[in-house]
Amino acid sequence: MSTESAAPTPGTVRPGGRTARTRSAVRDAVLTGLAEHGYPGLTVEYVAERSGIHKTTVYRRWGSVEGLVADALDLAGEDAWTPPDTGSLEGDLRALAREVAETFGSVSAAAAPTAFIAAAFQSERAAQALREFYTERFARCEAVVRRAVDRGEAPSGSDAAAVVRAVSAPLFFRALITREPIDTPLADQTAAAVAAAVRAGAYLPARP
């Protein structure tokens, strides 16, 4: 049996105390390594040295670079982040879009998340972890649309998941595909367009 298959699946245990500090130190080392070297240059040895955790321990608990990246994403998904609540649909969408622009519009801030995305193209395990991270993140954002429906700003039945994906998709496209700059005006424009589409019923289920 390989080392990777014998290792426990990262994120299945939520330990506290010393174990949690170890996991956090390893996660921070993974983020730094991805930012500095990208996924191809990340090694268990680097993470062990950077985190101060013995290499044997890293191999035993995470198994491989894939396990390290998957667990770093899993840990990121355990944060307390909540979507903005500005009091209006367009304001909430604008705030969400600006968060994306601030992250991916900065070379330093975008380094680690961009490396995670690149890793997903080279590792199915990383890809699954990334899908789970964004699925959970977008699920939190669905509250934005539910509040809008309650206020009468959006038609009942609007597809909340589709709305929150739509407000970030053009920004991700420019940042990751065409490598064009993204900024606050673009974020605001995107939010306004999606809000208008929501009000027009564009995200209601298609009729047969």
N, C-alpha and C. Protein backbone atom coordinates (compact mmCIF):
# COMPACT_ATOMS: atom_id res chain seq x y z
N MET A 1 0.85 -1.20 0.00
CA MET A 1 0.00 0.00 0.00
C MET A 1 0.88 1.25 0.00
N SER A 2 0.53 2.23 -0.85
CA SER A 2 1.36 3.43 -0.96
C SER A 2 1.19 4.32 0.26
N THR A 3 2.18 5.23 0.44
CA THR A 3 2.11 6.18 1.54
C THR A 3 0.87 7.03 1.45
N GLU A 4 0.53 7.46 0.21
CA GLU A 4 -0.62 8.35 0.02
C GLU A 4 -1.91 7.65 0.37
N SER A 5 -2.09 6.41 -0.07
CA SER A 5 -3.35 5.74 0.19
C SER A 5 -3.50 5.36 1.65
N ALA A 6 -2.35 5.20 2.35
CA ALA A 6 -2.41 4.85 3.76
C ALA A 6 -2.69 6.05 4.65
N ALA A 7 -2.42 7.24 4.13
CA ALA A 7 -2.60 8.45 4.94
C ALA A 7 -4.07 8.74 5.14
N PRO A 8 -4.46 9.30 6.29
CA PRO A 8 -5.85 9.67 6.51
C PRO A 8 -6.25 10.79 5.58
N THR A 9 -7.50 10.80 5.20
CA THR A 9 -7.99 11.86 4.33
C THR A 9 -7.94 13.19 5.05
N PRO A 10 -7.22 14.19 4.49
CA PRO A 10 -7.12 15.49 5.16
C PRO A 10 -8.48 16.09 5.40
N GLY A 11 -8.66 16.70 6.57
CA GLY A 11 -9.88 17.42 6.85
C GLY A 11 -10.98 16.59 7.47
N THR A 12 -10.73 15.24 7.62
CA THR A 12 -11.79 14.42 8.19
C THR A 12 -11.83 14.53 9.71
N VAL A 13 -10.78 15.08 10.31
CA VAL A 13 -10.74 15.26 11.76
C VAL A 13 -10.59 16.75 12.04
N ARG A 14 -11.25 17.26 13.05
CA ARG A 14 -11.17 18.67 13.40
C ARG A 14 -10.54 18.80 14.78
N PRO A 15 -9.24 18.43 14.90
CA PRO A 15 -8.62 18.46 16.22
C PRO A 15 -8.33 19.88 16.67
N GLY A 16 -8.14 20.04 17.99
CA GLY A 16 -7.79 21.34 18.53
C GLY A 16 -6.43 21.31 19.16
N GLY A 17 -6.06 22.38 19.84
CA GLY A 17 -4.82 22.44 20.58
C GLY A 17 -3.59 22.30 19.70
N ARG A 18 -2.65 21.52 20.18
CA ARG A 18 -1.36 21.38 19.50
C ARG A 18 -1.52 20.86 18.08
N THR A 19 -2.42 19.90 17.88
CA THR A 19 -2.64 19.35 16.55
C THR A 19 -3.16 20.41 15.59
N ALA A 20 -4.05 21.25 16.08
CA ALA A 20 -4.59 22.33 15.25
C ALA A 20 -3.49 23.32 14.89
N ARG A 21 -2.60 23.60 15.83
CA ARG A 21 -1.49 24.52 15.53
C ARG A 21 -0.56 23.92 14.49
N THR A 22 -0.33 22.62 14.58
CA THR A 22 0.49 21.95 13.58
C THR A 22 -0.13 22.06 12.20
N ARG A 23 -1.43 21.79 12.14
CA ARG A 23 -2.14 21.87 10.86
C ARG A 23 -2.09 23.28 10.29
N SER A 24 -2.26 24.27 11.16
CA SER A 24 -2.22 25.66 10.71
C SER A 24 -0.84 26.04 10.20
N ALA A 25 0.21 25.59 10.90
CA ALA A 25 1.58 25.90 10.47
C ALA A 25 1.87 25.27 9.11
N VAL A 26 1.39 24.06 8.92
CA VAL A 26 1.60 23.38 7.64
C VAL A 26 0.81 24.10 6.54
N ARG A 27 -0.42 24.49 6.85
CA ARG A 27 -1.22 25.22 5.86
C ARG A 27 -0.53 26.51 5.43
N ASP A 28 0.01 27.26 6.40
CA ASP A 28 0.69 28.51 6.08
C ASP A 28 1.91 28.25 5.20
N ALA A 29 2.62 27.15 5.46
CA ALA A 29 3.78 26.80 4.65
C ALA A 29 3.37 26.43 3.23
N VAL A 30 2.24 25.74 3.10
CA VAL A 30 1.73 25.38 1.77
C VAL A 30 1.37 26.65 0.99
N LEU A 31 0.68 27.59 1.63
CA LEU A 31 0.31 28.83 0.97
C LEU A 31 1.54 29.60 0.50
N THR A 32 2.55 29.68 1.37
CA THR A 32 3.78 30.39 1.00
C THR A 32 4.48 29.68 -0.14
N GLY A 33 4.53 28.36 -0.08
CA GLY A 33 5.19 27.59 -1.13
C GLY A 33 4.49 27.72 -2.47
N LEU A 34 3.17 27.69 -2.45
CA LEU A 34 2.43 27.86 -3.70
C LEU A 34 2.66 29.24 -4.29
N ALA A 35 2.68 30.25 -3.42
CA ALA A 35 2.89 31.62 -3.89
C ALA A 35 4.29 31.81 -4.46
N GLU A 36 5.27 31.17 -3.83
CA GLU A 36 6.66 31.36 -4.24
C GLU A 36 7.07 30.46 -5.41
N HIS A 37 6.57 29.22 -5.41
CA HIS A 37 7.08 28.24 -6.37
C HIS A 37 6.01 27.61 -7.26
N GLY A 38 4.72 27.87 -6.96
CA GLY A 38 3.67 27.22 -7.73
C GLY A 38 3.54 25.75 -7.34
N TYR A 39 2.52 25.10 -7.86
CA TYR A 39 2.29 23.70 -7.52
C TYR A 39 3.43 22.79 -7.94
N PRO A 40 3.99 22.94 -9.16
CA PRO A 40 5.07 22.04 -9.57
C PRO A 40 6.30 22.14 -8.67
N GLY A 41 6.54 23.31 -8.06
CA GLY A 41 7.73 23.49 -7.24
C GLY A 41 7.52 23.20 -5.77
N LEU A 42 6.29 22.89 -5.38
CA LEU A 42 6.00 22.63 -3.97
C LEU A 42 6.41 21.20 -3.61
N THR A 43 7.12 21.05 -2.51
CA THR A 43 7.55 19.72 -2.07
C THR A 43 7.23 19.54 -0.59
N VAL A 44 7.13 18.29 -0.19
CA VAL A 44 6.92 17.98 1.22
C VAL A 44 8.09 18.49 2.04
N GLU A 45 9.30 18.38 1.48
CA GLU A 45 10.49 18.84 2.20
C GLU A 45 10.43 20.34 2.46
N TYR A 46 9.97 21.09 1.47
CA TYR A 46 9.83 22.53 1.66
C TYR A 46 8.83 22.83 2.78
N VAL A 47 7.69 22.18 2.73
CA VAL A 47 6.65 22.42 3.73
C VAL A 47 7.15 22.07 5.12
N ALA A 48 7.87 20.95 5.23
CA ALA A 48 8.39 20.54 6.53
C ALA A 48 9.37 21.57 7.08
N GLU A 49 10.28 22.02 6.23
CA GLU A 49 11.28 23.00 6.68
C GLU A 49 10.62 24.33 7.03
N ARG A 50 9.70 24.78 6.18
CA ARG A 50 9.06 26.08 6.39
C ARG A 50 8.17 26.08 7.64
N SER A 51 7.49 24.98 7.88
CA SER A 51 6.55 24.91 9.00
C SER A 51 7.21 24.53 10.32
N GLY A 52 8.42 23.95 10.22
CA GLY A 52 9.08 23.48 11.44
C GLY A 52 8.55 22.15 11.92
N ILE A 53 7.77 21.47 11.08
CA ILE A 53 7.23 20.16 11.41
C ILE A 53 8.10 19.09 10.74
N HIS A 54 8.46 18.06 11.49
CA HIS A 54 9.36 17.04 10.95
C HIS A 54 8.77 16.42 9.68
N LYS A 55 9.65 16.16 8.72
CA LYS A 55 9.21 15.62 7.44
C LYS A 55 8.45 14.30 7.60
N THR A 56 8.90 13.47 8.52
CA THR A 56 8.22 12.19 8.75
C THR A 56 6.77 12.41 9.18
N THR A 57 6.56 13.41 10.02
CA THR A 57 5.20 13.72 10.48
C THR A 57 4.34 14.21 9.32
N VAL A 58 4.92 15.05 8.48
CA VAL A 58 4.17 15.57 7.32
C VAL A 58 3.77 14.42 6.40
N TYR A 59 4.72 13.53 6.10
CA TYR A 59 4.40 12.38 5.24
C TYR A 59 3.33 11.49 5.88
N ARG A 60 3.45 11.26 7.19
CA ARG A 60 2.52 10.37 7.86
C ARG A 60 1.10 10.92 7.86
N ARG A 61 0.97 12.23 8.08
CA ARG A 61 -0.37 12.82 8.21
C ARG A 61 -0.98 13.27 6.90
N TRP A 62 -0.15 13.74 5.95
CA TRP A 62 -0.70 14.29 4.71
C TRP A 62 -0.36 13.43 3.49
N GLY A 63 0.66 12.62 3.59
CA GLY A 63 0.95 11.66 2.54
C GLY A 63 1.69 12.17 1.33
N SER A 64 1.34 13.35 0.84
CA SER A 64 1.91 13.85 -0.40
C SER A 64 1.61 15.33 -0.55
N VAL A 65 2.15 15.93 -1.60
CA VAL A 65 1.84 17.33 -1.91
C VAL A 65 0.35 17.49 -2.19
N GLU A 66 -0.24 16.50 -2.88
CA GLU A 66 -1.67 16.56 -3.15
C GLU A 66 -2.47 16.64 -1.85
N GLY A 67 -2.08 15.82 -0.88
CA GLY A 67 -2.76 15.84 0.41
C GLY A 67 -2.60 17.17 1.12
N LEU A 68 -1.43 17.76 1.01
CA LEU A 68 -1.18 19.06 1.63
C LEU A 68 -2.06 20.15 1.02
N VAL A 69 -2.14 20.16 -0.30
CA VAL A 69 -2.94 21.17 -0.98
C VAL A 69 -4.42 20.98 -0.67
N ALA A 70 -4.88 19.74 -0.69
CA ALA A 70 -6.28 19.46 -0.39
C ALA A 70 -6.64 19.90 1.02
N ASP A 71 -5.76 19.64 1.97
CA ASP A 71 -6.05 20.01 3.35
C ASP A 71 -5.99 21.52 3.55
N ALA A 72 -5.10 22.20 2.84
CA ALA A 72 -5.04 23.65 2.93
C ALA A 72 -6.35 24.27 2.45
N LEU A 73 -6.92 23.72 1.40
CA LEU A 73 -8.21 24.21 0.91
C LEU A 73 -9.33 23.86 1.89
N ASP A 74 -9.25 22.67 2.45
CA ASP A 74 -10.26 22.26 3.42
C ASP A 74 -10.24 23.18 4.64
N LEU A 75 -9.05 23.52 5.09
CA LEU A 75 -8.92 24.40 6.25
C LEU A 75 -9.41 25.81 5.92
N ALA A 76 -9.14 26.26 4.69
CA ALA A 76 -9.61 27.59 4.28
C ALA A 76 -11.13 27.64 4.30
N GLY A 77 -11.78 26.52 4.00
CA GLY A 77 -13.23 26.48 3.99
C GLY A 77 -13.86 26.46 5.37
N GLU A 78 -13.03 26.38 6.41
CA GLU A 78 -13.55 26.35 7.77
C GLU A 78 -13.58 27.74 8.42
N ASP A 79 -13.28 28.77 7.63
CA ASP A 79 -13.23 30.10 8.21
C ASP A 79 -14.64 30.62 8.53
N ALA A 80 -14.69 31.79 9.13
CA ALA A 80 -15.97 32.35 9.57
C ALA A 80 -16.50 33.39 8.59
N TRP A 81 -15.98 33.41 7.37
CA TRP A 81 -16.40 34.43 6.40
C TRP A 81 -17.90 34.32 6.11
N THR A 82 -18.54 35.48 6.03
CA THR A 82 -19.94 35.54 5.65
C THR A 82 -20.10 36.56 4.53
N PRO A 83 -21.09 36.39 3.67
CA PRO A 83 -21.28 37.33 2.57
C PRO A 83 -21.73 38.69 3.10
N PRO A 84 -21.47 39.74 2.34
CA PRO A 84 -21.86 41.09 2.78
C PRO A 84 -23.37 41.25 2.87
N ASP A 85 -23.79 42.15 3.74
CA ASP A 85 -25.21 42.47 3.88
C ASP A 85 -25.32 43.99 3.91
N THR A 86 -25.43 44.59 2.73
CA THR A 86 -25.45 46.04 2.60
C THR A 86 -26.86 46.61 2.66
N GLY A 87 -27.85 45.74 2.57
CA GLY A 87 -29.23 46.21 2.58
C GLY A 87 -29.89 46.23 1.22
N SER A 88 -29.12 45.93 0.17
CA SER A 88 -29.70 45.87 -1.17
C SER A 88 -29.00 44.78 -1.97
N LEU A 89 -29.70 44.25 -2.96
CA LEU A 89 -29.13 43.20 -3.81
C LEU A 89 -27.91 43.72 -4.55
N GLU A 90 -28.05 44.86 -5.21
CA GLU A 90 -26.93 45.36 -6.00
C GLU A 90 -25.75 45.70 -5.10
N GLY A 91 -26.01 46.24 -3.91
CA GLY A 91 -24.92 46.54 -2.99
C GLY A 91 -24.19 45.29 -2.55
N ASP A 92 -24.94 44.22 -2.28
CA ASP A 92 -24.31 42.96 -1.87
C ASP A 92 -23.48 42.38 -3.01
N LEU A 93 -24.04 42.37 -4.22
CA LEU A 93 -23.32 41.84 -5.37
C LEU A 93 -22.08 42.67 -5.67
N ARG A 94 -22.21 43.99 -5.49
CA ARG A 94 -21.06 44.87 -5.71
C ARG A 94 -19.94 44.54 -4.71
N ALA A 95 -20.31 44.33 -3.46
CA ALA A 95 -19.31 44.01 -2.44
C ALA A 95 -18.63 42.67 -2.73
N LEU A 96 -19.41 41.69 -3.18
CA LEU A 96 -18.83 40.39 -3.53
C LEU A 96 -17.86 40.53 -4.71
N ALA A 97 -18.29 41.26 -5.72
CA ALA A 97 -17.44 41.45 -6.90
C ALA A 97 -16.16 42.19 -6.55
N ARG A 98 -16.28 43.17 -5.68
CA ARG A 98 -15.09 43.91 -5.28
C ARG A 98 -14.10 43.04 -4.51
N GLU A 99 -14.60 42.09 -3.74
CA GLU A 99 -13.70 41.18 -3.04
C GLU A 99 -12.88 40.36 -4.04
N VAL A 100 -13.55 39.89 -5.09
CA VAL A 100 -12.84 39.13 -6.12
C VAL A 100 -11.81 40.02 -6.81
N ALA A 101 -12.21 41.24 -7.13
CA ALA A 101 -11.30 42.16 -7.81
C ALA A 101 -10.09 42.50 -6.94
N GLU A 102 -10.33 42.69 -5.66
CA GLU A 102 -9.23 43.02 -4.75
C GLU A 102 -8.24 41.87 -4.63
N THR A 103 -8.76 40.65 -4.62
CA THR A 103 -7.88 39.48 -4.50
C THR A 103 -7.12 39.22 -5.79
N PHE A 104 -7.85 39.09 -6.88
CA PHE A 104 -7.20 38.70 -8.13
C PHE A 104 -6.63 39.88 -8.90
N GLY A 105 -6.90 41.10 -8.44
CA GLY A 105 -6.31 42.26 -9.07
C GLY A 105 -4.95 42.62 -8.50
N SER A 106 -4.56 41.93 -7.43
CA SER A 106 -3.26 42.17 -6.79
C SER A 106 -2.36 40.97 -7.01
N VAL A 107 -1.16 41.20 -7.51
CA VAL A 107 -0.24 40.10 -7.80
C VAL A 107 0.06 39.30 -6.54
N SER A 108 0.33 39.98 -5.45
CA SER A 108 0.68 39.27 -4.22
C SER A 108 -0.51 38.53 -3.63
N ALA A 109 -1.68 39.17 -3.61
CA ALA A 109 -2.87 38.53 -3.04
C ALA A 109 -3.34 37.36 -3.90
N ALA A 110 -3.13 37.46 -5.21
CA ALA A 110 -3.63 36.43 -6.12
C ALA A 110 -2.70 35.22 -6.22
N ALA A 111 -1.47 35.33 -5.72
CA ALA A 111 -0.49 34.27 -5.93
C ALA A 111 -0.96 32.92 -5.43
N ALA A 112 -1.39 32.84 -4.18
CA ALA A 112 -1.80 31.55 -3.62
C ALA A 112 -3.08 31.02 -4.24
N PRO A 113 -4.18 31.82 -4.33
CA PRO A 113 -5.39 31.27 -4.95
C PRO A 113 -5.19 30.88 -6.41
N THR A 114 -4.36 31.62 -7.14
CA THR A 114 -4.08 31.25 -8.52
C THR A 114 -3.33 29.94 -8.58
N ALA A 115 -2.42 29.72 -7.63
CA ALA A 115 -1.67 28.47 -7.58
C ALA A 115 -2.59 27.30 -7.25
N PHE A 116 -3.57 27.52 -6.38
CA PHE A 116 -4.54 26.47 -6.08
C PHE A 116 -5.30 26.07 -7.34
N ILE A 117 -5.69 27.06 -8.12
CA ILE A 117 -6.44 26.78 -9.35
C ILE A 117 -5.55 26.03 -10.34
N ALA A 118 -4.29 26.45 -10.45
CA ALA A 118 -3.35 25.75 -11.33
C ALA A 118 -3.16 24.31 -10.87
N ALA A 119 -3.08 24.10 -9.56
CA ALA A 119 -2.91 22.75 -9.02
C ALA A 119 -4.08 21.85 -9.41
N ALA A 120 -5.27 22.43 -9.50
CA ALA A 120 -6.46 21.65 -9.83
C ALA A 120 -6.40 21.09 -11.25
N PHE A 121 -5.60 21.70 -12.12
CA PHE A 121 -5.43 21.19 -13.47
C PHE A 121 -4.40 20.07 -13.54
N GLN A 122 -3.66 19.87 -12.46
CA GLN A 122 -2.60 18.87 -12.46
C GLN A 122 -2.85 17.73 -11.48
N SER A 123 -3.84 17.89 -10.64
CA SER A 123 -4.14 16.89 -9.62
C SER A 123 -5.64 16.78 -9.42
N GLU A 124 -6.19 15.58 -9.62
CA GLU A 124 -7.62 15.39 -9.43
C GLU A 124 -8.01 15.58 -7.97
N ARG A 125 -7.11 15.23 -7.07
CA ARG A 125 -7.40 15.41 -5.66
C ARG A 125 -7.50 16.90 -5.32
N ALA A 126 -6.59 17.69 -5.89
CA ALA A 126 -6.65 19.14 -5.69
C ALA A 126 -7.89 19.72 -6.35
N ALA A 127 -8.25 19.19 -7.51
CA ALA A 127 -9.44 19.67 -8.22
C ALA A 127 -10.69 19.42 -7.39
N GLN A 128 -10.79 18.24 -6.79
CA GLN A 128 -11.95 17.93 -5.98
C GLN A 128 -12.02 18.85 -4.76
N ALA A 129 -10.87 19.09 -4.14
CA ALA A 129 -10.83 19.98 -2.98
C ALA A 129 -11.23 21.40 -3.37
N LEU A 130 -10.79 21.84 -4.55
CA LEU A 130 -11.15 23.19 -5.01
C LEU A 130 -12.64 23.29 -5.30
N ARG A 131 -13.20 22.26 -5.92
CA ARG A 131 -14.65 22.26 -6.19
C ARG A 131 -15.44 22.32 -4.88
N GLU A 132 -15.00 21.55 -3.91
CA GLU A 132 -15.70 21.54 -2.62
C GLU A 132 -15.59 22.89 -1.93
N PHE A 133 -14.42 23.51 -2.04
CA PHE A 133 -14.23 24.83 -1.42
C PHE A 133 -15.19 25.85 -2.02
N TYR A 134 -15.24 25.91 -3.36
CA TYR A 134 -16.10 26.92 -3.99
C TYR A 134 -17.58 26.56 -3.87
N THR A 135 -17.91 25.30 -3.85
CA THR A 135 -19.30 24.91 -3.64
C THR A 135 -19.79 25.41 -2.29
N GLU A 136 -18.96 25.22 -1.27
CA GLU A 136 -19.33 25.67 0.07
C GLU A 136 -19.37 27.19 0.14
N ARG A 137 -18.38 27.85 -0.51
CA ARG A 137 -18.32 29.32 -0.48
C ARG A 137 -19.54 29.91 -1.18
N PHE A 138 -19.89 29.39 -2.33
CA PHE A 138 -21.05 29.90 -3.05
C PHE A 138 -22.34 29.61 -2.29
N ALA A 139 -22.39 28.50 -1.57
CA ALA A 139 -23.58 28.18 -0.78
C ALA A 139 -23.81 29.24 0.29
N ARG A 140 -22.73 29.73 0.90
CA ARG A 140 -22.88 30.81 1.88
C ARG A 140 -23.45 32.07 1.22
N CYS A 141 -23.02 32.32 0.00
CA CYS A 141 -23.43 33.55 -0.70
C CYS A 141 -24.88 33.53 -1.14
N GLU A 142 -25.50 32.35 -1.15
CA GLU A 142 -26.89 32.28 -1.59
C GLU A 142 -27.81 33.10 -0.69
N ALA A 143 -27.37 33.39 0.53
CA ALA A 143 -28.17 34.23 1.43
C ALA A 143 -28.41 35.60 0.83
N VAL A 144 -27.49 36.07 -0.01
CA VAL A 144 -27.65 37.37 -0.67
C VAL A 144 -28.93 37.40 -1.50
N VAL A 145 -29.17 36.34 -2.24
CA VAL A 145 -30.35 36.28 -3.10
C VAL A 145 -31.61 36.02 -2.28
N ARG A 146 -31.51 35.19 -1.26
CA ARG A 146 -32.69 34.94 -0.42
C ARG A 146 -33.16 36.24 0.25
N ARG A 147 -32.21 37.04 0.71
CA ARG A 147 -32.59 38.33 1.31
C ARG A 147 -33.23 39.24 0.27
N ALA A 148 -32.71 39.20 -0.95
CA ALA A 148 -33.26 40.04 -2.01
C ALA A 148 -34.70 39.64 -2.33
N VAL A 149 -34.97 38.35 -2.33
CA VAL A 149 -36.33 37.87 -2.57
C VAL A 149 -37.24 38.36 -1.45
N ASP A 150 -36.78 38.27 -0.23
CA ASP A 150 -37.58 38.72 0.92
C ASP A 150 -37.89 40.22 0.85
N ARG A 151 -36.95 41.00 0.29
CA ARG A 151 -37.16 42.45 0.18
C ARG A 151 -37.96 42.83 -1.06
N GLY A 152 -38.23 41.85 -1.90
CA GLY A 152 -38.96 42.13 -3.12
C GLY A 152 -38.08 42.63 -4.25
N GLU A 153 -36.76 42.47 -4.12
CA GLU A 153 -35.84 42.93 -5.17
C GLU A 153 -35.58 41.87 -6.23
N ALA A 154 -35.96 40.64 -5.94
CA ALA A 154 -35.72 39.54 -6.87
C ALA A 154 -36.95 38.65 -6.92
N PRO A 155 -37.27 38.11 -8.07
CA PRO A 155 -38.43 37.23 -8.17
C PRO A 155 -38.23 35.96 -7.34
N SER A 156 -39.28 35.51 -6.67
CA SER A 156 -39.21 34.26 -5.92
C SER A 156 -38.88 33.12 -6.89
N GLY A 157 -37.98 32.26 -6.47
CA GLY A 157 -37.57 31.15 -7.33
C GLY A 157 -36.29 31.42 -8.09
N SER A 158 -35.72 32.62 -7.93
CA SER A 158 -34.45 32.92 -8.60
C SER A 158 -33.38 31.93 -8.15
N ASP A 159 -32.57 31.49 -9.09
CA ASP A 159 -31.51 30.52 -8.81
C ASP A 159 -30.35 31.23 -8.11
N ALA A 160 -30.30 31.12 -6.78
CA ALA A 160 -29.30 31.85 -6.00
C ALA A 160 -27.89 31.44 -6.37
N ALA A 161 -27.65 30.15 -6.56
CA ALA A 161 -26.31 29.68 -6.89
C ALA A 161 -25.84 30.26 -8.22
N ALA A 162 -26.75 30.30 -9.20
CA ALA A 162 -26.38 30.85 -10.51
C ALA A 162 -26.07 32.33 -10.42
N VAL A 163 -26.80 33.05 -9.58
CA VAL A 163 -26.57 34.49 -9.43
C VAL A 163 -25.19 34.77 -8.86
N VAL A 164 -24.84 34.09 -7.79
CA VAL A 164 -23.55 34.40 -7.16
C VAL A 164 -22.38 33.94 -8.03
N ARG A 165 -22.59 32.92 -8.83
CA ARG A 165 -21.54 32.53 -9.78
C ARG A 165 -21.41 33.57 -10.89
N ALA A 166 -22.53 34.09 -11.33
CA ALA A 166 -22.53 35.04 -12.44
C ALA A 166 -21.78 36.31 -12.10
N VAL A 167 -21.84 36.74 -10.84
CA VAL A 167 -21.21 38.01 -10.48
C VAL A 167 -19.69 37.88 -10.41
N SER A 168 -19.19 36.67 -10.22
CA SER A 168 -17.73 36.50 -10.16
C SER A 168 -17.14 35.97 -11.47
N ALA A 169 -17.96 35.31 -12.28
CA ALA A 169 -17.45 34.66 -13.48
C ALA A 169 -16.70 35.59 -14.44
N PRO A 170 -17.23 36.78 -14.78
CA PRO A 170 -16.49 37.64 -15.70
C PRO A 170 -15.14 38.09 -15.13
N LEU A 171 -15.08 38.25 -13.82
CA LEU A 171 -13.84 38.68 -13.18
C LEU A 171 -12.82 37.54 -13.21
N PHE A 172 -13.28 36.33 -12.92
CA PHE A 172 -12.38 35.18 -12.99
C PHE A 172 -11.88 34.98 -14.41
N PHE A 173 -12.75 35.19 -15.39
CA PHE A 173 -12.36 35.00 -16.79
C PHE A 173 -11.22 35.94 -17.17
N ARG A 174 -11.36 37.19 -16.81
CA ARG A 174 -10.32 38.16 -17.15
C ARG A 174 -9.03 37.90 -16.37
N ALA A 175 -9.19 37.54 -15.11
CA ALA A 175 -8.00 37.34 -14.27
C ALA A 175 -7.23 36.08 -14.63
N LEU A 176 -7.96 35.01 -15.00
CA LEU A 176 -7.32 33.70 -15.14
C LEU A 176 -7.21 33.20 -16.58
N ILE A 177 -8.08 33.70 -17.47
CA ILE A 177 -8.07 33.21 -18.85
C ILE A 177 -7.39 34.20 -19.78
N THR A 178 -7.92 35.42 -19.87
CA THR A 178 -7.35 36.39 -20.80
C THR A 178 -6.23 37.22 -20.17
N ARG A 179 -6.07 37.10 -18.82
CA ARG A 179 -5.01 37.81 -18.10
C ARG A 179 -5.12 39.31 -18.28
N GLU A 180 -6.35 39.81 -18.30
CA GLU A 180 -6.59 41.25 -18.37
C GLU A 180 -6.71 41.80 -16.96
N PRO A 181 -6.43 43.07 -16.78
CA PRO A 181 -6.57 43.65 -15.43
C PRO A 181 -8.03 43.72 -15.00
N ILE A 182 -8.26 43.60 -13.71
CA ILE A 182 -9.60 43.77 -13.15
C ILE A 182 -9.51 44.81 -12.04
N ASP A 183 -10.56 45.61 -11.92
CA ASP A 183 -10.52 46.68 -10.95
C ASP A 183 -11.92 46.94 -10.39
N THR A 184 -12.03 47.93 -9.53
CA THR A 184 -13.30 48.25 -8.88
C THR A 184 -14.39 48.65 -9.89
N PRO A 185 -14.11 49.53 -10.87
CA PRO A 185 -15.16 49.88 -11.84
C PRO A 185 -15.71 48.66 -12.58
N LEU A 186 -14.83 47.72 -12.92
CA LEU A 186 -15.29 46.51 -13.59
C LEU A 186 -16.16 45.68 -12.66
N ALA A 187 -15.77 45.59 -11.40
CA ALA A 187 -16.55 44.85 -10.41
C ALA A 187 -17.94 45.47 -10.27
N ASP A 188 -17.99 46.79 -10.19
CA ASP A 188 -19.27 47.48 -10.04
C ASP A 188 -20.15 47.28 -11.28
N GLN A 189 -19.54 47.33 -12.45
CA GLN A 189 -20.29 47.14 -13.69
C GLN A 189 -20.87 45.73 -13.75
N THR A 190 -20.08 44.75 -13.36
CA THR A 190 -20.54 43.37 -13.36
C THR A 190 -21.70 43.18 -12.40
N ALA A 191 -21.58 43.75 -11.21
CA ALA A 191 -22.64 43.63 -10.21
C ALA A 191 -23.93 44.27 -10.70
N ALA A 192 -23.82 45.44 -11.33
CA ALA A 192 -25.01 46.13 -11.83
C ALA A 192 -25.70 45.31 -12.91
N ALA A 193 -24.90 44.69 -13.78
CA ALA A 193 -25.48 43.88 -14.86
C ALA A 193 -26.20 42.65 -14.31
N VAL A 194 -25.60 41.99 -13.35
CA VAL A 194 -26.22 40.80 -12.77
C VAL A 194 -27.49 41.18 -11.99
N ALA A 195 -27.42 42.28 -11.24
CA ALA A 195 -28.60 42.73 -10.49
C ALA A 195 -29.76 43.03 -11.44
N ALA A 196 -29.47 43.66 -12.57
CA ALA A 196 -30.52 43.97 -13.55
C ALA A 196 -31.10 42.68 -14.13
N ALA A 197 -30.23 41.70 -14.38
CA ALA A 197 -30.70 40.43 -14.92
C ALA A 197 -31.57 39.69 -13.91
N VAL A 198 -31.20 39.78 -12.64
CA VAL A 198 -32.02 39.15 -11.60
C VAL A 198 -33.41 39.78 -11.57
N ARG A 199 -33.45 41.10 -11.57
CA ARG A 199 -34.75 41.80 -11.51
C ARG A 199 -35.61 41.47 -12.72
N ALA A 200 -34.96 41.21 -13.86
CA ALA A 200 -35.71 40.90 -15.08
C ALA A 200 -36.16 39.44 -15.14
N GLY A 201 -35.77 38.65 -14.14
CA GLY A 201 -36.19 37.25 -14.10
C GLY A 201 -35.30 36.32 -14.88
N ALA A 202 -34.09 36.75 -15.20
CA ALA A 202 -33.19 35.92 -16.00
C ALA A 202 -32.74 34.66 -15.28
N TYR A 203 -32.82 34.65 -13.95
CA TYR A 203 -32.34 33.49 -13.20
C TYR A 203 -33.49 32.66 -12.64
N LEU A 204 -34.68 32.83 -13.19
CA LEU A 204 -35.79 31.95 -12.86
C LEU A 204 -35.64 30.65 -13.64
N PRO A 205 -36.17 29.55 -13.12
CA PRO A 205 -36.07 28.26 -13.86
C PRO A 205 -36.67 28.40 -15.26
N ALA A 206 -36.01 27.76 -16.22
CA ALA A 206 -36.50 27.82 -17.60
C ALA A 206 -37.85 27.09 -17.70
N ARG A 207 -38.74 27.68 -18.47
CA ARG A 207 -40.05 27.06 -18.68
C ARG A 207 -39.96 26.03 -19.79
N PRO A 208 -40.68 24.93 -19.63
CA PRO A 208 -40.65 23.88 -20.68
C PRO A 208 -41.27 24.39 -21.97
